[in-house]
């Protein structure tokens, strides 16, 4: 490969950024003040080019290392930021879930209380209806019992009257029988006396 055609003083090259020395500070550039007849040989030019290439490679490595470190630092910052956002989202979601759970518990508690009260009211209404029906039926049964008792009393009175009438009739029959016996006995004695 032929040597580069850049000036020996390196004026055509842009010095790379970093800590590398500029071409004006290189020792080999001190010979640029001399005439062309007393200038450097081709080997000196090749040595300067190799040195420049080495410096460029070193600078590229430094830039690459810095870029890698910057990229790693940026990645770490991005990861930390994303992790913080995820943690915040998780905390917000957990807080929202807890609030919804509390609200649901309140709703369920109120619903259970209302259902319990409704059930108690329904059972009380059924019990009241049953009690009212029992009272009505009790009154009806009591009236039936009173009517039956009255009928029994009437029948009892009739039976007593019949019994008393029968006893009276029996007594009359007994008295009648006694009178007949006395009459017959008296007539028999009178007939004996006449004979």
N, C-alpha and C. Protein backbone atom coordinates (compact mmCIF):
# COMPACT_ATOMS: atom_id res chain seq x y z
N UNK A 1 0.86 -1.18 0.00
CA UNK A 1 0.00 0.00 0.00
C UNK A 1 0.89 1.23 0.00
N UNK A 2 0.68 2.20 -0.94
CA UNK A 2 1.54 3.39 -0.98
C UNK A 2 1.30 4.26 0.21
N UNK A 3 2.24 5.03 0.59
CA UNK A 3 2.10 5.90 1.77
C UNK A 3 1.09 6.99 1.50
N UNK A 4 0.49 7.47 2.58
CA UNK A 4 -0.54 8.50 2.46
C UNK A 4 0.07 9.77 1.95
N UNK A 5 -0.73 10.55 1.22
CA UNK A 5 -0.26 11.78 0.59
C UNK A 5 -0.52 13.00 1.43
N UNK A 6 -0.87 12.78 2.65
CA UNK A 6 -1.12 13.92 3.53
C UNK A 6 0.17 14.64 3.80
N UNK A 7 0.11 15.91 4.09
CA UNK A 7 1.34 16.67 4.38
C UNK A 7 2.04 16.11 5.59
N UNK A 8 3.33 16.30 5.60
CA UNK A 8 4.13 15.75 6.67
C UNK A 8 3.79 16.41 8.00
N UNK A 9 3.41 17.63 7.94
CA UNK A 9 3.08 18.32 9.19
C UNK A 9 1.77 17.88 9.77
N UNK A 10 0.96 17.10 9.00
CA UNK A 10 -0.34 16.63 9.51
C UNK A 10 -1.37 17.70 9.53
N UNK A 11 -1.23 18.74 8.68
CA UNK A 11 -2.21 19.82 8.72
C UNK A 11 -3.53 19.40 8.12
N UNK A 12 -3.54 18.36 7.27
CA UNK A 12 -4.79 17.92 6.63
C UNK A 12 -5.62 17.04 7.50
N UNK A 13 -5.15 16.58 8.67
CA UNK A 13 -5.93 15.69 9.55
C UNK A 13 -6.60 16.50 10.63
N UNK A 14 -7.86 16.07 10.97
CA UNK A 14 -8.58 16.71 12.08
C UNK A 14 -8.23 15.99 13.34
N UNK A 15 -7.72 16.67 14.32
CA UNK A 15 -7.33 15.96 15.57
C UNK A 15 -8.55 15.40 16.26
N UNK A 16 -8.53 14.12 16.64
CA UNK A 16 -9.68 13.51 17.34
C UNK A 16 -9.83 14.08 18.73
N UNK A 17 -11.13 13.97 19.20
CA UNK A 17 -11.42 14.46 20.55
C UNK A 17 -10.85 13.52 21.57
N UNK A 18 -10.68 13.99 22.77
CA UNK A 18 -10.14 13.14 23.82
C UNK A 18 -8.85 13.72 24.37
N UNK A 19 -8.12 12.84 24.99
CA UNK A 19 -6.88 13.27 25.63
C UNK A 19 -5.67 13.12 24.73
N UNK A 20 -5.87 12.67 23.46
CA UNK A 20 -4.71 12.48 22.57
C UNK A 20 -4.08 13.83 22.22
N UNK A 21 -2.81 13.80 21.98
CA UNK A 21 -2.11 15.03 21.65
C UNK A 21 -2.39 15.43 20.23
N UNK A 22 -2.46 16.69 19.98
CA UNK A 22 -2.70 17.19 18.62
C UNK A 22 -1.43 16.98 17.79
N UNK A 23 -1.58 16.96 16.45
CA UNK A 23 -0.38 16.74 15.62
C UNK A 23 0.66 17.83 15.79
N UNK A 24 0.25 19.01 16.19
CA UNK A 24 1.25 20.07 16.34
C UNK A 24 2.18 19.82 17.49
N UNK A 25 1.79 18.97 18.43
CA UNK A 25 2.60 18.72 19.61
C UNK A 25 3.47 17.49 19.47
N UNK A 26 3.38 16.80 18.36
CA UNK A 26 4.18 15.59 18.19
C UNK A 26 5.63 15.96 17.94
N UNK A 27 6.57 15.17 18.41
CA UNK A 27 8.00 15.48 18.23
C UNK A 27 8.42 15.46 16.79
N UNK A 28 7.75 14.56 16.00
CA UNK A 28 8.19 14.43 14.62
C UNK A 28 7.84 15.66 13.81
N UNK A 29 6.94 16.47 14.26
CA UNK A 29 6.56 17.65 13.51
C UNK A 29 7.59 18.76 13.64
N UNK A 30 8.55 18.58 14.52
CA UNK A 30 9.58 19.61 14.68
C UNK A 30 10.49 19.71 13.47
N UNK A 31 10.48 18.66 12.62
CA UNK A 31 11.33 18.66 11.43
C UNK A 31 10.69 19.36 10.26
N UNK A 32 9.41 19.80 10.40
CA UNK A 32 8.72 20.42 9.28
C UNK A 32 9.33 21.75 8.91
N UNK A 33 10.09 22.37 9.81
CA UNK A 33 10.68 23.68 9.54
C UNK A 33 11.85 23.62 8.55
N UNK A 34 12.38 22.39 8.36
CA UNK A 34 13.50 22.23 7.45
C UNK A 34 13.08 22.23 6.00
N UNK A 35 14.05 22.24 5.09
CA UNK A 35 13.75 22.23 3.66
C UNK A 35 13.40 20.84 3.24
N UNK A 36 12.86 20.69 1.98
CA UNK A 36 12.45 19.39 1.48
C UNK A 36 13.65 18.49 1.28
N UNK A 37 14.85 19.05 0.94
CA UNK A 37 16.02 18.22 0.74
C UNK A 37 16.48 17.61 2.03
N UNK A 38 16.28 18.33 3.13
CA UNK A 38 16.69 17.82 4.42
C UNK A 38 15.54 17.18 5.18
N UNK A 39 14.39 16.90 4.50
CA UNK A 39 13.16 16.37 5.18
C UNK A 39 13.29 14.92 5.52
N UNK A 40 12.16 14.40 6.08
CA UNK A 40 12.10 13.01 6.52
C UNK A 40 12.05 12.09 5.33
N UNK A 41 12.45 10.89 5.54
CA UNK A 41 12.38 9.85 4.51
C UNK A 41 11.01 9.21 4.51
N UNK A 42 10.78 8.27 3.60
CA UNK A 42 9.50 7.56 3.52
C UNK A 42 9.26 6.72 4.75
N UNK A 43 10.33 6.20 5.33
CA UNK A 43 10.14 5.38 6.54
C UNK A 43 9.62 6.22 7.69
N UNK A 44 10.07 7.47 7.73
CA UNK A 44 9.54 8.35 8.78
C UNK A 44 8.06 8.60 8.58
N UNK A 45 7.68 8.76 7.30
CA UNK A 45 6.25 8.98 7.01
C UNK A 45 5.43 7.76 7.41
N UNK A 46 5.94 6.58 7.10
CA UNK A 46 5.22 5.35 7.48
C UNK A 46 5.12 5.23 8.99
N UNK A 47 6.21 5.58 9.68
CA UNK A 47 6.16 5.51 11.14
C UNK A 47 5.14 6.48 11.72
N UNK A 48 5.09 7.68 11.13
CA UNK A 48 4.10 8.65 11.61
C UNK A 48 2.68 8.19 11.35
N UNK A 49 2.45 7.55 10.18
CA UNK A 49 1.11 7.04 9.86
C UNK A 49 0.70 5.93 10.81
N UNK A 50 1.64 5.03 11.10
CA UNK A 50 1.34 3.94 12.05
C UNK A 50 1.03 4.50 13.41
N UNK A 51 1.82 5.52 13.82
CA UNK A 51 1.56 6.12 15.13
C UNK A 51 0.19 6.78 15.16
N UNK A 52 -0.14 7.48 14.03
CA UNK A 52 -1.47 8.10 13.96
C UNK A 52 -2.58 7.05 14.02
N UNK A 53 -2.40 5.95 13.30
CA UNK A 53 -3.41 4.88 13.31
C UNK A 53 -3.57 4.29 14.70
N UNK A 54 -2.44 4.10 15.38
CA UNK A 54 -2.53 3.56 16.75
C UNK A 54 -3.29 4.51 17.66
N UNK A 55 -2.99 5.82 17.49
CA UNK A 55 -3.70 6.79 18.31
C UNK A 55 -5.20 6.78 18.01
N UNK A 56 -5.49 6.67 16.69
CA UNK A 56 -6.92 6.61 16.31
C UNK A 56 -7.59 5.38 16.90
N UNK A 57 -6.91 4.24 16.83
CA UNK A 57 -7.47 3.01 17.41
C UNK A 57 -7.68 3.16 18.90
N UNK A 58 -6.67 3.76 19.57
CA UNK A 58 -6.83 3.96 21.03
C UNK A 58 -8.00 4.88 21.33
N UNK A 59 -8.10 5.96 20.51
CA UNK A 59 -9.22 6.87 20.73
C UNK A 59 -10.56 6.19 20.48
N UNK A 60 -10.61 5.38 19.42
CA UNK A 60 -11.86 4.65 19.13
C UNK A 60 -12.21 3.70 20.27
N UNK A 61 -11.19 3.05 20.81
CA UNK A 61 -11.45 2.15 21.94
C UNK A 61 -11.96 2.92 23.16
N UNK A 62 -11.31 4.09 23.39
CA UNK A 62 -11.78 4.91 24.51
C UNK A 62 -13.22 5.37 24.30
N UNK A 63 -13.49 5.81 23.05
CA UNK A 63 -14.87 6.24 22.74
C UNK A 63 -15.85 5.09 22.90
N UNK A 64 -15.42 3.91 22.40
CA UNK A 64 -16.29 2.74 22.52
C UNK A 64 -16.54 2.38 23.98
N UNK A 65 -15.44 2.40 24.78
CA UNK A 65 -15.60 2.10 26.21
C UNK A 65 -16.51 3.10 26.89
N UNK A 66 -16.30 4.40 26.56
CA UNK A 66 -17.17 5.42 27.15
C UNK A 66 -18.61 5.25 26.71
N UNK A 67 -18.78 4.91 25.41
CA UNK A 67 -20.14 4.69 24.91
C UNK A 67 -20.78 3.49 25.60
N UNK A 68 -19.97 2.45 25.78
CA UNK A 68 -20.51 1.27 26.47
C UNK A 68 -20.91 1.61 27.91
N UNK A 69 -20.02 2.38 28.57
CA UNK A 69 -20.35 2.76 29.95
C UNK A 69 -21.58 3.67 29.99
N UNK A 70 -21.61 4.62 29.04
CA UNK A 70 -22.78 5.51 28.98
C UNK A 70 -24.04 4.72 28.65
N UNK A 71 -23.91 3.78 27.70
CA UNK A 71 -25.08 2.96 27.34
C UNK A 71 -25.54 2.10 28.50
N UNK A 72 -24.56 1.52 29.21
CA UNK A 72 -24.92 0.70 30.37
C UNK A 72 -25.59 1.55 31.44
N UNK A 73 -25.00 2.75 31.66
CA UNK A 73 -25.59 3.65 32.66
C UNK A 73 -26.99 4.06 32.23
N UNK A 74 -27.17 4.34 30.93
CA UNK A 74 -28.49 4.72 30.45
C UNK A 74 -29.47 3.57 30.58
N UNK A 75 -29.00 2.36 30.25
CA UNK A 75 -29.87 1.18 30.40
C UNK A 75 -30.28 0.98 31.86
N UNK A 76 -29.30 1.14 32.75
CA UNK A 76 -29.61 1.01 34.17
C UNK A 76 -30.62 2.06 34.61
N UNK A 77 -30.44 3.30 34.12
CA UNK A 77 -31.39 4.35 34.47
C UNK A 77 -32.78 4.04 33.92
N UNK A 78 -32.82 3.55 32.67
CA UNK A 78 -34.12 3.20 32.07
C UNK A 78 -34.78 2.07 32.85
N UNK A 79 -33.96 1.05 33.19
CA UNK A 79 -34.51 -0.08 33.94
C UNK A 79 -35.01 0.37 35.30
N UNK A 80 -34.22 1.23 35.97
CA UNK A 80 -34.65 1.74 37.28
C UNK A 80 -35.92 2.56 37.15
N UNK A 81 -35.99 3.39 36.08
CA UNK A 81 -37.19 4.20 35.89
C UNK A 81 -38.42 3.33 35.62
N UNK A 82 -38.23 2.33 34.74
CA UNK A 82 -39.35 1.42 34.44
C UNK A 82 -39.76 0.64 35.69
N UNK A 83 -38.76 0.18 36.46
CA UNK A 83 -39.08 -0.55 37.69
C UNK A 83 -39.84 0.33 38.67
N UNK A 84 -39.42 1.62 38.77
CA UNK A 84 -40.13 2.54 39.66
C UNK A 84 -41.57 2.76 39.19
N UNK A 85 -41.74 2.91 37.85
CA UNK A 85 -43.09 3.08 37.32
C UNK A 85 -43.94 1.84 37.57
N UNK A 86 -43.34 0.67 37.37
CA UNK A 86 -44.09 -0.57 37.62
C UNK A 86 -44.46 -0.69 39.09
N UNK A 87 -43.52 -0.35 39.98
CA UNK A 87 -43.80 -0.40 41.41
C UNK A 87 -44.93 0.57 41.77
N UNK A 88 -44.88 1.77 41.17
CA UNK A 88 -45.95 2.75 41.42
C UNK A 88 -47.29 2.23 40.91
N UNK A 89 -47.27 1.63 39.70
CA UNK A 89 -48.51 1.07 39.16
C UNK A 89 -49.04 -0.05 40.05
N UNK A 90 -48.13 -0.90 40.54
CA UNK A 90 -48.56 -1.99 41.42
C UNK A 90 -49.16 -1.44 42.71
N UNK A 91 -48.50 -0.44 43.29
CA UNK A 91 -49.03 0.15 44.52
C UNK A 91 -50.38 0.80 44.28
N UNK A 92 -50.51 1.54 43.16
CA UNK A 92 -51.80 2.16 42.85
C UNK A 92 -52.87 1.10 42.62
N UNK A 93 -52.50 0.03 41.90
CA UNK A 93 -53.47 -1.04 41.65
C UNK A 93 -53.87 -1.72 42.95
N UNK A 94 -52.87 -1.97 43.82
CA UNK A 94 -53.17 -2.59 45.11
C UNK A 94 -54.08 -1.69 45.96
N UNK A 95 -53.78 -0.38 45.96
CA UNK A 95 -54.62 0.55 46.71
C UNK A 95 -56.03 0.60 46.13
N UNK A 96 -56.13 0.62 44.81
CA UNK A 96 -57.45 0.63 44.17
C UNK A 96 -58.20 -0.65 44.48
N UNK A 97 -57.51 -1.78 44.42
CA UNK A 97 -58.15 -3.06 44.73
C UNK A 97 -58.63 -3.09 46.18
N UNK A 98 -57.81 -2.57 47.10
CA UNK A 98 -58.19 -2.55 48.51
C UNK A 98 -59.42 -1.66 48.72
N UNK A 99 -59.44 -0.51 48.04
CA UNK A 99 -60.60 0.38 48.16
C UNK A 99 -61.85 -0.29 47.61
N UNK A 100 -61.72 -0.95 46.45
CA UNK A 100 -62.86 -1.65 45.88
C UNK A 100 -63.31 -2.79 46.78
N UNK A 101 -62.34 -3.47 47.41
CA UNK A 101 -62.70 -4.56 48.32
C UNK A 101 -63.46 -4.02 49.53
N UNK A 102 -62.99 -2.89 50.07
CA UNK A 102 -63.69 -2.29 51.21
C UNK A 102 -65.09 -1.86 50.81
N UNK A 103 -65.21 -1.25 49.63
CA UNK A 103 -66.53 -0.83 49.16
C UNK A 103 -67.44 -2.04 48.96
N UNK A 104 -66.87 -3.11 48.41
CA UNK A 104 -67.66 -4.32 48.19
C UNK A 104 -68.11 -4.92 49.52
N UNK A 105 -67.21 -4.91 50.50
CA UNK A 105 -67.58 -5.42 51.82
C UNK A 105 -68.70 -4.59 52.44
N UNK A 106 -68.60 -3.26 52.27
CA UNK A 106 -69.67 -2.40 52.79
C UNK A 106 -70.99 -2.70 52.10
N UNK A 107 -70.93 -2.85 50.76
CA UNK A 107 -72.15 -3.15 50.01
C UNK A 107 -72.73 -4.48 50.43
N UNK A 108 -71.84 -5.49 50.56
CA UNK A 108 -72.32 -6.81 50.98
C UNK A 108 -72.88 -6.76 52.39
N UNK A 109 -72.23 -5.99 53.27
CA UNK A 109 -72.72 -5.87 54.64
C UNK A 109 -74.10 -5.22 54.66
N UNK A 110 -74.23 -4.12 53.91
CA UNK A 110 -75.53 -3.45 53.85
C UNK A 110 -76.57 -4.35 53.21
N UNK A 111 -76.16 -5.07 52.15
CA UNK A 111 -77.09 -5.96 51.48
C UNK A 111 -77.53 -7.08 52.40
N UNK A 112 -76.57 -7.67 53.13
CA UNK A 112 -76.90 -8.74 54.07
C UNK A 112 -77.82 -8.22 55.17
N UNK A 113 -77.54 -7.01 55.65
CA UNK A 113 -78.39 -6.42 56.69
C UNK A 113 -79.79 -6.20 56.17
N UNK A 114 -79.89 -5.66 54.95
CA UNK A 114 -81.21 -5.43 54.36
C UNK A 114 -81.94 -6.74 54.13
N UNK A 115 -81.21 -7.75 53.62
CA UNK A 115 -81.83 -9.05 53.39
C UNK A 115 -82.31 -9.66 54.70
N UNK A 116 -81.50 -9.53 55.75
CA UNK A 116 -81.89 -10.07 57.05
C UNK A 116 -83.14 -9.35 57.57
N UNK A 117 -83.14 -8.03 57.45
CA UNK A 117 -84.31 -7.28 57.90
C UNK A 117 -85.54 -7.64 57.08
N UNK A 118 -85.36 -7.79 55.77
CA UNK A 118 -86.49 -8.16 54.92
C UNK A 118 -87.01 -9.55 55.29
N UNK A 119 -86.10 -10.48 55.55
CA UNK A 119 -86.51 -11.83 55.94
C UNK A 119 -87.25 -11.80 57.27
N UNK A 120 -86.73 -11.03 58.23
CA UNK A 120 -87.41 -10.91 59.52
C UNK A 120 -88.79 -10.30 59.37
N UNK A 121 -88.89 -9.27 58.53
CA UNK A 121 -90.19 -8.64 58.31
C UNK A 121 -91.17 -9.61 57.65
N UNK A 122 -90.67 -10.39 56.69
CA UNK A 122 -91.53 -11.38 56.04
C UNK A 122 -92.00 -12.44 57.03
N UNK A 123 -91.08 -12.94 57.85
CA UNK A 123 -91.45 -13.96 58.83
C UNK A 123 -92.42 -13.39 59.86
N UNK A 124 -92.19 -12.15 60.26
CA UNK A 124 -93.10 -11.52 61.22
C UNK A 124 -94.49 -11.35 60.61
N UNK A 125 -94.52 -10.96 59.33
CA UNK A 125 -95.82 -10.81 58.65
C UNK A 125 -96.54 -12.15 58.58
N UNK A 126 -95.79 -13.21 58.25
CA UNK A 126 -96.42 -14.54 58.20
C UNK A 126 -96.93 -14.95 59.58
N UNK A 127 -96.13 -14.70 60.61
CA UNK A 127 -96.55 -15.04 61.97
C UNK A 127 -97.78 -14.24 62.38
N UNK A 128 -97.80 -12.97 62.02
CA UNK A 128 -98.95 -12.13 62.35
C UNK A 128 -100.21 -12.63 61.63
N UNK A 129 -100.07 -13.00 60.36
CA UNK A 129 -101.21 -13.55 59.63
C UNK A 129 -101.70 -14.84 60.26
N UNK A 130 -100.75 -15.70 60.65
CA UNK A 130 -101.14 -16.96 61.29
C UNK A 130 -101.85 -16.69 62.62
N UNK A 131 -101.34 -15.74 63.38
CA UNK A 131 -101.96 -15.40 64.67
C UNK A 131 -103.37 -14.83 64.46
N UNK A 132 -103.50 -13.94 63.48
CA UNK A 132 -104.82 -13.37 63.20
C UNK A 132 -105.80 -14.45 62.77
N UNK A 133 -105.34 -15.37 61.91
CA UNK A 133 -106.20 -16.46 61.48
C UNK A 133 -106.57 -17.35 62.66
N UNK A 134 -105.61 -17.60 63.55
CA UNK A 134 -105.90 -18.40 64.74
C UNK A 134 -106.94 -17.71 65.62
N UNK A 135 -106.80 -16.38 65.76
CA UNK A 135 -107.78 -15.65 66.58
C UNK A 135 -109.17 -15.73 65.95
N UNK A 136 -109.22 -15.58 64.62
CA UNK A 136 -110.53 -15.68 63.97
C UNK A 136 -111.10 -17.08 64.12
N UNK A 137 -110.27 -18.08 63.89
CA UNK A 137 -110.75 -19.45 64.04
C UNK A 137 -111.09 -19.76 65.49
N UNK A 138 -110.32 -19.20 66.42
CA UNK A 138 -110.62 -19.42 67.83
C UNK A 138 -111.99 -18.85 68.18
N UNK A 139 -112.26 -17.66 67.70
CA UNK A 139 -113.57 -17.06 67.96
C UNK A 139 -114.68 -17.92 67.36
N UNK A 140 -114.42 -18.40 66.13
CA UNK A 140 -115.43 -19.24 65.50
C UNK A 140 -115.62 -20.53 66.28
N UNK A 141 -114.53 -21.15 66.72
CA UNK A 141 -114.62 -22.39 67.49
C UNK A 141 -115.30 -22.14 68.84
N UNK A 142 -114.99 -21.01 69.45
CA UNK A 142 -115.64 -20.69 70.72
C UNK A 142 -117.13 -20.49 70.54
N UNK A 143 -117.50 -19.83 69.44
CA UNK A 143 -118.92 -19.65 69.18
C UNK A 143 -119.60 -20.98 68.92
N UNK A 144 -118.92 -21.85 68.18
CA UNK A 144 -119.48 -23.19 67.95
C UNK A 144 -119.63 -23.94 69.26
N UNK A 145 -118.63 -23.83 70.12
CA UNK A 145 -118.70 -24.49 71.42
C UNK A 145 -119.85 -23.93 72.26
N UNK A 146 -120.01 -22.61 72.20
CA UNK A 146 -121.12 -22.00 72.95
C UNK A 146 -122.47 -22.51 72.43
N UNK A 147 -122.58 -22.56 71.11
CA UNK A 147 -123.83 -23.05 70.53
C UNK A 147 -124.08 -24.50 70.94
N UNK A 148 -123.04 -25.30 70.88
CA UNK A 148 -123.17 -26.71 71.26
C UNK A 148 -123.52 -26.83 72.74
N UNK A 149 -122.89 -26.03 73.55
CA UNK A 149 -123.20 -26.05 74.98
C UNK A 149 -124.65 -25.65 75.24
N UNK A 150 -125.11 -24.66 74.50
CA UNK A 150 -126.51 -24.24 74.64
C UNK A 150 -127.45 -25.37 74.25
N UNK A 151 -127.12 -26.05 73.15
CA UNK A 151 -127.94 -27.18 72.73
C UNK A 151 -127.94 -28.28 73.79
N UNK A 152 -126.77 -28.52 74.36
CA UNK A 152 -126.68 -29.53 75.42
C UNK A 152 -127.53 -29.13 76.61
N UNK A 153 -127.48 -27.86 76.95
CA UNK A 153 -128.29 -27.39 78.06
C UNK A 153 -129.79 -27.55 77.77
N UNK A 154 -130.15 -27.24 76.54
CA UNK A 154 -131.56 -27.40 76.17
C UNK A 154 -131.98 -28.86 76.25
N UNK A 155 -131.16 -29.73 75.69
CA UNK A 155 -131.47 -31.16 75.73
C UNK A 155 -131.48 -31.66 77.17
N UNK A 156 -130.58 -31.16 77.96
CA UNK A 156 -130.54 -31.55 79.37
C UNK A 156 -131.82 -31.13 80.07
N UNK A 157 -132.25 -29.92 79.77
CA UNK A 157 -133.48 -29.44 80.38
C UNK A 157 -134.67 -30.29 79.96
N UNK A 158 -134.69 -30.63 78.70
CA UNK A 158 -135.78 -31.48 78.22
C UNK A 158 -135.75 -32.83 78.91
N UNK A 159 -134.56 -33.38 79.03
CA UNK A 159 -134.45 -34.68 79.69
C UNK A 159 -134.87 -34.60 81.15
N UNK A 160 -134.48 -33.53 81.79
CA UNK A 160 -134.89 -33.36 83.18
C UNK A 160 -136.41 -33.23 83.30
N UNK A 161 -136.99 -32.49 82.37
CA UNK A 161 -138.44 -32.36 82.39
C UNK A 161 -139.11 -33.71 82.14
N UNK A 162 -138.54 -34.44 81.18
CA UNK A 162 -139.11 -35.76 80.91
C UNK A 162 -138.94 -36.67 82.12
N UNK A 163 -137.80 -36.57 82.76
CA UNK A 163 -137.56 -37.41 83.93
C UNK A 163 -138.52 -37.05 85.06
N UNK A 164 -138.66 -35.76 85.26
CA UNK A 164 -139.58 -35.33 86.30
C UNK A 164 -141.02 -35.74 85.97
N UNK A 165 -141.37 -35.60 84.71
CA UNK A 165 -142.71 -36.00 84.29
C UNK A 165 -142.89 -37.51 84.47
N UNK A 166 -141.87 -38.25 84.14
CA UNK A 166 -141.95 -39.70 84.29
C UNK A 166 -142.07 -40.07 85.77
N UNK A 167 -141.27 -39.40 86.59
CA UNK A 167 -141.36 -39.68 88.03
C UNK A 167 -142.74 -39.31 88.59
N UNK A 168 -143.24 -38.19 88.11
CA UNK A 168 -144.57 -37.79 88.55
C UNK A 168 -145.62 -38.80 88.10
N UNK A 169 -145.48 -39.22 86.89
CA UNK A 169 -146.43 -40.22 86.37
C UNK A 169 -146.30 -41.52 87.15
N UNK A 170 -145.07 -41.88 87.48
CA UNK A 170 -144.87 -43.10 88.27
C UNK A 170 -145.49 -42.95 89.65
N UNK A 171 -145.32 -41.81 90.24
CA UNK A 171 -145.92 -41.59 91.55
C UNK A 171 -147.45 -41.63 91.47
N UNK A 172 -147.95 -41.06 90.39
CA UNK A 172 -149.41 -41.10 90.21
C UNK A 172 -149.88 -42.53 90.05
N UNK A 173 -149.14 -43.29 89.30
CA UNK A 173 -149.50 -44.69 89.10
C UNK A 173 -149.45 -45.45 90.42
N UNK A 174 -148.42 -45.14 91.20
CA UNK A 174 -148.31 -45.82 92.50
C UNK A 174 -149.49 -45.45 93.39
N UNK A 175 -149.81 -44.18 93.44
CA UNK A 175 -150.93 -43.74 94.25
C UNK A 175 -152.24 -44.34 93.73
N UNK A 176 -152.34 -44.36 92.43
CA UNK A 176 -153.54 -44.95 91.84
C UNK A 176 -153.66 -46.42 92.21
N UNK A 177 -152.55 -47.09 92.14
CA UNK A 177 -152.55 -48.51 92.48
C UNK A 177 -152.89 -48.71 93.94
N UNK A 178 -152.34 -47.85 94.77
CA UNK A 178 -152.66 -47.95 96.20
C UNK A 178 -154.15 -47.70 96.45
N UNK A 179 -154.69 -46.71 95.80
CA UNK A 179 -156.11 -46.41 95.96
C UNK A 179 -156.98 -47.57 95.48
N UNK A 180 -156.59 -48.17 94.37
CA UNK A 180 -157.35 -49.31 93.87
C UNK A 180 -157.28 -50.46 94.85
N UNK A 181 -156.10 -50.68 95.40
CA UNK A 181 -155.97 -51.77 96.36
C UNK A 181 -156.80 -51.48 97.61
N UNK A 182 -156.74 -50.24 98.05
CA UNK A 182 -157.54 -49.89 99.22
C UNK A 182 -159.04 -50.02 98.90
N UNK A 183 -159.41 -49.60 97.71
CA UNK A 183 -160.81 -49.69 97.33
C UNK A 183 -161.25 -51.15 97.26
N UNK A 184 -160.44 -51.97 96.66
CA UNK A 184 -160.80 -53.37 96.55
C UNK A 184 -160.84 -54.01 97.94
N UNK A 185 -159.90 -53.66 98.75
CA UNK A 185 -159.89 -54.22 100.10
C UNK A 185 -161.13 -53.75 100.88
N UNK A 186 -161.48 -52.52 100.72
CA UNK A 186 -162.66 -51.99 101.41
C UNK A 186 -163.93 -52.66 100.89
N UNK A 187 -164.03 -52.82 99.62
CA UNK A 187 -165.21 -53.49 99.06
C UNK A 187 -165.27 -54.95 99.52
N UNK A 188 -164.20 -55.58 99.65
CA UNK A 188 -164.19 -56.98 100.09
C UNK A 188 -164.65 -57.08 101.54
N UNK A 189 -164.21 -56.19 102.37
CA UNK A 189 -164.62 -56.22 103.77
C UNK A 189 -166.11 -55.91 103.88
N UNK A 190 -166.63 -55.01 103.11
CA UNK A 190 -168.05 -54.67 103.14
C UNK A 190 -168.91 -55.83 102.66
N UNK A 191 -168.46 -56.55 101.70
CA UNK A 191 -169.20 -57.71 101.20
C UNK A 191 -169.24 -58.81 102.25
N UNK A 192 -168.20 -58.98 102.98
CA UNK A 192 -168.16 -60.01 104.02
C UNK A 192 -169.13 -59.64 105.13
N UNK A 193 -169.20 -58.40 105.49
CA UNK A 193 -170.10 -57.97 106.56
C UNK A 193 -171.55 -58.18 106.14
N UNK A 194 -171.90 -57.91 104.93
CA UNK A 194 -173.28 -58.05 104.47
C UNK A 194 -173.69 -59.51 104.46
N UNK A 195 -172.85 -60.40 104.15
CA UNK A 195 -173.19 -61.80 104.12
C UNK A 195 -173.29 -62.34 105.51
